[in-house]
Amino acid sequence: IALYVPSLSLDELRQLEAEVMQLA
């Protein structure tokens, strides 16, 4: 995903993943 959305850092993606998983 970081390759397709390079404006977000891997840390930001990890945080976003955690938020998404909490809502699921």
PDB file of all heavy atoms in Angstrom:
ATOM      1  N   ILE A   1       0.844  -1.200   0.000  1.00  0.00           N
ATOM      2  CA  ILE A   1       0.000   0.000   0.000  1.00  0.00           C
ATOM      3  C   ILE A   1       0.873   1.240   0.000  1.00  0.00           C
ATOM      4  O   ILE A   1       0.579   2.215  -0.688  1.00  0.00           O
ATOM      5  CB  ILE A   1      -0.967  -0.013   1.203  1.00  0.00           C
ATOM      6  CG1 ILE A   1      -1.984  -1.152   1.044  1.00  0.00           C
ATOM      7  CG2 ILE A   1      -1.684   1.329   1.341  1.00  0.00           C
ATOM      8  CD1 ILE A   1      -2.863  -1.390   2.253  1.00  0.00           C
ATOM      9  N   ALA A   2       1.967   1.195   0.734  1.00  0.00           N
ATOM     10  CA  ALA A   2       2.893   2.338   0.787  1.00  0.00           C
ATOM     11  C   ALA A   2       3.451   2.668  -0.599  1.00  0.00           C
ATOM     12  O   ALA A   2       3.736   3.824  -0.893  1.00  0.00           O
ATOM     13  CB  ALA A   2       4.018   2.052   1.767  1.00  0.00           C
ATOM     14  N   LEU A   3       3.579   1.670  -1.457  1.00  0.00           N
ATOM     15  CA  LEU A   3       4.048   1.922  -2.819  1.00  0.00           C
ATOM     16  C   LEU A   3       3.017   2.692  -3.629  1.00  0.00           C
ATOM     17  O   LEU A   3       3.361   3.521  -4.468  1.00  0.00           O
ATOM     18  CB  LEU A   3       4.367   0.602  -3.526  1.00  0.00           C
ATOM     19  CG  LEU A   3       5.544  -0.200  -2.977  1.00  0.00           C
ATOM     20  CD1 LEU A   3       5.620  -1.552  -3.680  1.00  0.00           C
ATOM     21  CD2 LEU A   3       6.839   0.570  -3.150  1.00  0.00           C
ATOM     22  N   TYR A   4       1.742   2.415  -3.378  1.00  0.00           N
ATOM     23  CA  TYR A   4       0.663   3.070  -4.118  1.00  0.00           C
ATOM     24  C   TYR A   4       0.241   4.402  -3.511  1.00  0.00           C
ATOM     25  O   TYR A   4      -0.351   5.230  -4.186  1.00  0.00           O
ATOM     26  CB  TYR A   4      -0.558   2.148  -4.207  1.00  0.00           C
ATOM     27  CG  TYR A   4      -0.313   0.940  -5.065  1.00  0.00           C
ATOM     28  CD1 TYR A   4      -0.080  -0.309  -4.501  1.00  0.00           C
ATOM     29  CD2 TYR A   4      -0.299   1.041  -6.452  1.00  0.00           C
ATOM     30  CE1 TYR A   4       0.165  -1.418  -5.292  1.00  0.00           C
ATOM     31  CE2 TYR A   4      -0.058  -0.068  -7.248  1.00  0.00           C
ATOM     32  CZ  TYR A   4       0.177  -1.290  -6.660  1.00  0.00           C
ATOM     33  OH  TYR A   4       0.415  -2.382  -7.444  1.00  0.00           O
ATOM     34  N   VAL A   5       0.520   4.567  -2.224  1.00  0.00           N
ATOM     35  CA  VAL A   5       0.153   5.796  -1.514  1.00  0.00           C
ATOM     36  C   VAL A   5       1.413   6.328  -0.812  1.00  0.00           C
ATOM     37  O   VAL A   5       1.522   6.285   0.408  1.00  0.00           O
ATOM     38  CB  VAL A   5      -0.983   5.537  -0.498  1.00  0.00           C
ATOM     39  CG1 VAL A   5      -1.500   6.845   0.072  1.00  0.00           C
ATOM     40  CG2 VAL A   5      -2.122   4.756  -1.125  1.00  0.00           C
ATOM     41  N   PRO A   6       2.373   6.816  -1.577  1.00  0.00           N
ATOM     42  CA  PRO A   6       3.671   7.197  -0.999  1.00  0.00           C
ATOM     43  C   PRO A   6       3.632   8.428  -0.098  1.00  0.00           C
ATOM     44  O   PRO A   6       4.586   8.666   0.647  1.00  0.00           O
ATOM     45  CB  PRO A   6       4.541   7.467  -2.233  1.00  0.00           C
ATOM     46  CG  PRO A   6       3.581   7.805  -3.316  1.00  0.00           C
ATOM     47  CD  PRO A   6       2.340   7.007  -3.024  1.00  0.00           C
ATOM     48  N   SER A   7       2.544   9.167  -0.112  1.00  0.00           N
ATOM     49  CA  SER A   7       2.479  10.349   0.747  1.00  0.00           C
ATOM     50  C   SER A   7       2.219   9.996   2.209  1.00  0.00           C
ATOM     51  O   SER A   7       2.346  10.850   3.082  1.00  0.00           O
ATOM     52  CB  SER A   7       1.408  11.316   0.247  1.00  0.00           C
ATOM     53  OG  SER A   7       0.139  10.699   0.272  1.00  0.00           O
ATOM     54  N   LEU A   8       1.870   8.730   2.488  1.00  0.00           N
ATOM     55  CA  LEU A   8       1.679   8.274   3.865  1.00  0.00           C
ATOM     56  C   LEU A   8       2.855   7.401   4.273  1.00  0.00           C
ATOM     57  O   LEU A   8       3.267   6.511   3.534  1.00  0.00           O
ATOM     58  CB  LEU A   8       0.384   7.475   3.994  1.00  0.00           C
ATOM     59  CG  LEU A   8      -0.916   8.204   3.678  1.00  0.00           C
ATOM     60  CD1 LEU A   8      -2.094   7.257   3.829  1.00  0.00           C
ATOM     61  CD2 LEU A   8      -1.095   9.421   4.553  1.00  0.00           C
ATOM     62  N   SER A   9       3.357   7.645   5.461  1.00  0.00           N
ATOM     63  CA  SER A   9       4.469   6.848   5.960  1.00  0.00           C
ATOM     64  C   SER A   9       3.955   5.475   6.406  1.00  0.00           C
ATOM     65  O   SER A   9       2.751   5.278   6.624  1.00  0.00           O
ATOM     66  CB  SER A   9       5.144   7.548   7.138  1.00  0.00           C
ATOM     67  OG  SER A   9       4.283   7.540   8.267  1.00  0.00           O
ATOM     68  N   LEU A  10       4.866   4.555   6.564  1.00  0.00           N
ATOM     69  CA  LEU A  10       4.496   3.221   7.028  1.00  0.00           C
ATOM     70  C   LEU A  10       3.898   3.297   8.430  1.00  0.00           C
ATOM     71  O   LEU A  10       2.953   2.570   8.749  1.00  0.00           O
ATOM     72  CB  LEU A  10       5.720   2.298   6.994  1.00  0.00           C
ATOM     73  CG  LEU A  10       5.465   0.814   6.958  1.00  0.00           C
ATOM     74  CD1 LEU A  10       4.462   0.415   5.896  1.00  0.00           C
ATOM     75  CD2 LEU A  10       6.753   0.061   6.754  1.00  0.00           C
ATOM     76  N   ASP A  11       4.414   4.198   9.260  1.00  0.00           N
ATOM     77  CA  ASP A  11       3.842   4.387  10.597  1.00  0.00           C
ATOM     78  C   ASP A  11       2.399   4.878  10.518  1.00  0.00           C
ATOM     79  O   ASP A  11       1.534   4.419  11.271  1.00  0.00           O
ATOM     80  CB  ASP A  11       4.676   5.366  11.421  1.00  0.00           C
ATOM     81  CG  ASP A  11       5.994   4.758  11.879  1.00  0.00           C
ATOM     82  OD1 ASP A  11       6.088   3.515  11.966  1.00  0.00           O
ATOM     83  OD2 ASP A  11       6.928   5.533  12.151  1.00  0.00           O
ATOM     84  N   GLU A  12       2.122   5.819   9.603  1.00  0.00           N
ATOM     85  CA  GLU A  12       0.758   6.304   9.420  1.00  0.00           C
ATOM     86  C   GLU A  12      -0.154   5.182   8.945  1.00  0.00           C
ATOM     87  O   GLU A  12      -1.300   5.070   9.389  1.00  0.00           O
ATOM     88  CB  GLU A  12       0.716   7.444   8.410  1.00  0.00           C
ATOM     89  CG  GLU A  12       1.264   8.753   8.918  1.00  0.00           C
ATOM     90  CD  GLU A  12       1.255   9.829   7.863  1.00  0.00           C
ATOM     91  OE1 GLU A  12       2.030   9.700   6.880  1.00  0.00           O
ATOM     92  OE2 GLU A  12       0.474  10.783   8.007  1.00  0.00           O
ATOM     93  N   LEU A  13       0.368   4.332   8.059  1.00  0.00           N
ATOM     94  CA  LEU A  13      -0.428   3.200   7.570  1.00  0.00           C
ATOM     95  C   LEU A  13      -0.707   2.204   8.686  1.00  0.00           C
ATOM     96  O   LEU A  13      -1.813   1.666   8.770  1.00  0.00           O
ATOM     97  CB  LEU A  13       0.282   2.519   6.398  1.00  0.00           C
ATOM     98  CG  LEU A  13       0.321   3.322   5.103  1.00  0.00           C
ATOM     99  CD1 LEU A  13       1.201   2.632   4.077  1.00  0.00           C
ATOM    100  CD2 LEU A  13      -1.078   3.547   4.557  1.00  0.00           C
ATOM    101  N   ARG A  14       0.263   1.965   9.540  1.00  0.00           N
ATOM    102  CA  ARG A  14       0.050   1.051  10.680  1.00  0.00           C
ATOM    103  C   ARG A  14      -1.030   1.601  11.609  1.00  0.00           C
ATOM    104  O   ARG A  14      -1.889   0.857  12.087  1.00  0.00           O
ATOM    105  CB  ARG A  14       1.348   0.851  11.444  1.00  0.00           C
ATOM    106  CG  ARG A  14       2.333  -0.028  10.741  1.00  0.00           C
ATOM    107  CD  ARG A  14       3.551  -0.330  11.614  1.00  0.00           C
ATOM    108  NE  ARG A  14       4.539  -1.048  10.856  1.00  0.00           N
ATOM    109  CZ  ARG A  14       5.732  -0.560  10.521  1.00  0.00           C
ATOM    110  NH1 ARG A  14       6.104   0.638  10.928  1.00  0.00           N
ATOM    111  NH2 ARG A  14       6.568  -1.284   9.816  1.00  0.00           N
ATOM    112  N   GLN A  15      -0.967   2.901  11.868  1.00  0.00           N
ATOM    113  CA  GLN A  15      -1.963   3.530  12.722  1.00  0.00           C
ATOM    114  C   GLN A  15      -3.349   3.445  12.080  1.00  0.00           C
ATOM    115  O   GLN A  15      -4.328   3.131  12.751  1.00  0.00           O
ATOM    116  CB  GLN A  15      -1.587   4.984  12.979  1.00  0.00           C
ATOM    117  CG  GLN A  15      -2.555   5.706  13.895  1.00  0.00           C
ATOM    118  CD  GLN A  15      -2.161   7.152  14.128  1.00  0.00           C
ATOM    119  OE1 GLN A  15      -1.179   7.641  13.589  1.00  0.00           O
ATOM    120  NE2 GLN A  15      -2.934   7.849  14.920  1.00  0.00           N
ATOM    121  N   LEU A  16      -3.417   3.706  10.803  1.00  0.00           N
ATOM    122  CA  LEU A  16      -4.685   3.617  10.085  1.00  0.00           C
ATOM    123  C   LEU A  16      -5.231   2.198  10.101  1.00  0.00           C
ATOM    124  O   LEU A  16      -6.420   1.979  10.312  1.00  0.00           O
ATOM    125  CB  LEU A  16      -4.504   4.111   8.637  1.00  0.00           C
ATOM    126  CG  LEU A  16      -5.749   4.170   7.774  1.00  0.00           C
ATOM    127  CD1 LEU A  16      -6.816   5.073   8.391  1.00  0.00           C
ATOM    128  CD2 LEU A  16      -5.394   4.660   6.384  1.00  0.00           C
ATOM    129  N   GLU A  17      -4.347   1.220   9.921  1.00  0.00           N
ATOM    130  CA  GLU A  17      -4.766  -0.180   9.979  1.00  0.00           C
ATOM    131  C   GLU A  17      -5.361  -0.512  11.341  1.00  0.00           C
ATOM    132  O   GLU A  17      -6.392  -1.182  11.437  1.00  0.00           O
ATOM    133  CB  GLU A  17      -3.587  -1.092   9.681  1.00  0.00           C
ATOM    134  CG  GLU A  17      -3.950  -2.574   9.720  1.00  0.00           C
ATOM    135  CD  GLU A  17      -2.757  -3.463   9.476  1.00  0.00           C
ATOM    136  OE1 GLU A  17      -1.698  -3.237  10.115  1.00  0.00           O
ATOM    137  OE2 GLU A  17      -2.866  -4.386   8.667  1.00  0.00           O
ATOM    138  N   ALA A  18      -4.722  -0.036  12.406  1.00  0.00           N
ATOM    139  CA  ALA A  18      -5.233  -0.279  13.758  1.00  0.00           C
ATOM    140  C   ALA A  18      -6.615   0.342  13.930  1.00  0.00           C
ATOM    141  O   ALA A  18      -7.520  -0.272  14.523  1.00  0.00           O
ATOM    142  CB  ALA A  18      -4.265   0.274  14.795  1.00  0.00           C
ATOM    143  N   GLU A  19      -6.806   1.546  13.402  1.00  0.00           N
ATOM    144  CA  GLU A  19      -8.119   2.212  13.486  1.00  0.00           C
ATOM    145  C   GLU A  19      -9.169   1.428  12.714  1.00  0.00           C
ATOM    146  O   GLU A  19     -10.282   1.242  13.203  1.00  0.00           O
ATOM    147  CB  GLU A  19      -8.007   3.633  12.926  1.00  0.00           C
ATOM    148  CG  GLU A  19      -7.190   4.570  13.764  1.00  0.00           C
ATOM    149  CD  GLU A  19      -6.934   5.900  13.079  1.00  0.00           C
ATOM    150  OE1 GLU A  19      -7.611   6.226  12.072  1.00  0.00           O
ATOM    151  OE2 GLU A  19      -6.033   6.637  13.536  1.00  0.00           O
ATOM    152  N   VAL A  20      -8.825   0.959  11.532  1.00  0.00           N
ATOM    153  CA  VAL A  20      -9.758   0.203  10.698  1.00  0.00           C
ATOM    154  C   VAL A  20     -10.142  -1.102  11.391  1.00  0.00           C
ATOM    155  O   VAL A  20     -11.314  -1.488  11.415  1.00  0.00           O
ATOM    156  CB  VAL A  20      -9.156  -0.060   9.293  1.00  0.00           C
ATOM    157  CG1 VAL A  20      -9.988  -1.093   8.542  1.00  0.00           C
ATOM    158  CG2 VAL A  20      -9.069   1.229   8.509  1.00  0.00           C
ATOM    159  N   MET A  21      -9.165  -1.762  11.981  1.00  0.00           N
ATOM    160  CA  MET A  21      -9.437  -3.047  12.639  1.00  0.00           C
ATOM    161  C   MET A  21     -10.297  -2.865  13.888  1.00  0.00           C
ATOM    162  O   MET A  21     -11.095  -3.736  14.224  1.00  0.00           O
ATOM    163  CB  MET A  21      -8.130  -3.745  13.015  1.00  0.00           C
ATOM    164  CG  MET A  21      -7.319  -4.160  11.809  1.00  0.00           C
ATOM    165  SD  MET A  21      -8.324  -5.137  10.678  1.00  0.00           S
ATOM    166  CE  MET A  21      -7.230  -5.315   9.326  1.00  0.00           C
ATOM    167  N   GLN A  22     -10.149  -1.721  14.563  1.00  0.00           N
ATOM    168  CA  GLN A  22     -10.987  -1.447  15.736  1.00  0.00           C
ATOM    169  C   GLN A  22     -12.445  -1.276  15.343  1.00  0.00           C
ATOM    170  O   GLN A  22     -13.336  -1.672  16.076  1.00  0.00           O
ATOM    171  CB  GLN A  22     -10.514  -0.172  16.436  1.00  0.00           C
ATOM    172  CG  GLN A  22      -9.552  -0.403  17.545  1.00  0.00           C
ATOM    173  CD  GLN A  22      -9.257   0.889  18.301  1.00  0.00           C
ATOM    174  OE1 GLN A  22      -9.526   1.979  17.812  1.00  0.00           O
ATOM    175  NE2 GLN A  22      -8.685   0.750  19.475  1.00  0.00           N
ATOM    176  N   LEU A  23     -12.659  -0.670  14.185  1.00  0.00           N
ATOM    177  CA  LEU A  23     -14.033  -0.412  13.737  1.00  0.00           C
ATOM    178  C   LEU A  23     -14.701  -1.644  13.171  1.00  0.00           C
ATOM    179  O   LEU A  23     -15.927  -1.692  13.082  1.00  0.00           O
ATOM    180  CB  LEU A  23     -14.035   0.706  12.684  1.00  0.00           C
ATOM    181  CG  LEU A  23     -13.561   2.086  13.173  1.00  0.00           C
ATOM    182  CD1 LEU A  23     -13.482   3.055  11.998  1.00  0.00           C
ATOM    183  CD2 LEU A  23     -14.486   2.616  14.245  1.00  0.00           C
ATOM    184  N   ALA A  24     -13.917  -2.633  12.794  1.00  0.00           N
ATOM    185  CA  ALA A  24     -14.478  -3.839  12.164  1.00  0.00           C
ATOM    186  C   ALA A  24     -15.163  -4.735  13.154  1.00  0.00           C
ATOM    187  O   ALA A  24     -15.126  -4.706  14.284  1.00  0.00           O
ATOM    188  CB  ALA A  24     -13.362  -4.609  11.459  1.00  0.00           C
TER     189      ALA A  24
END
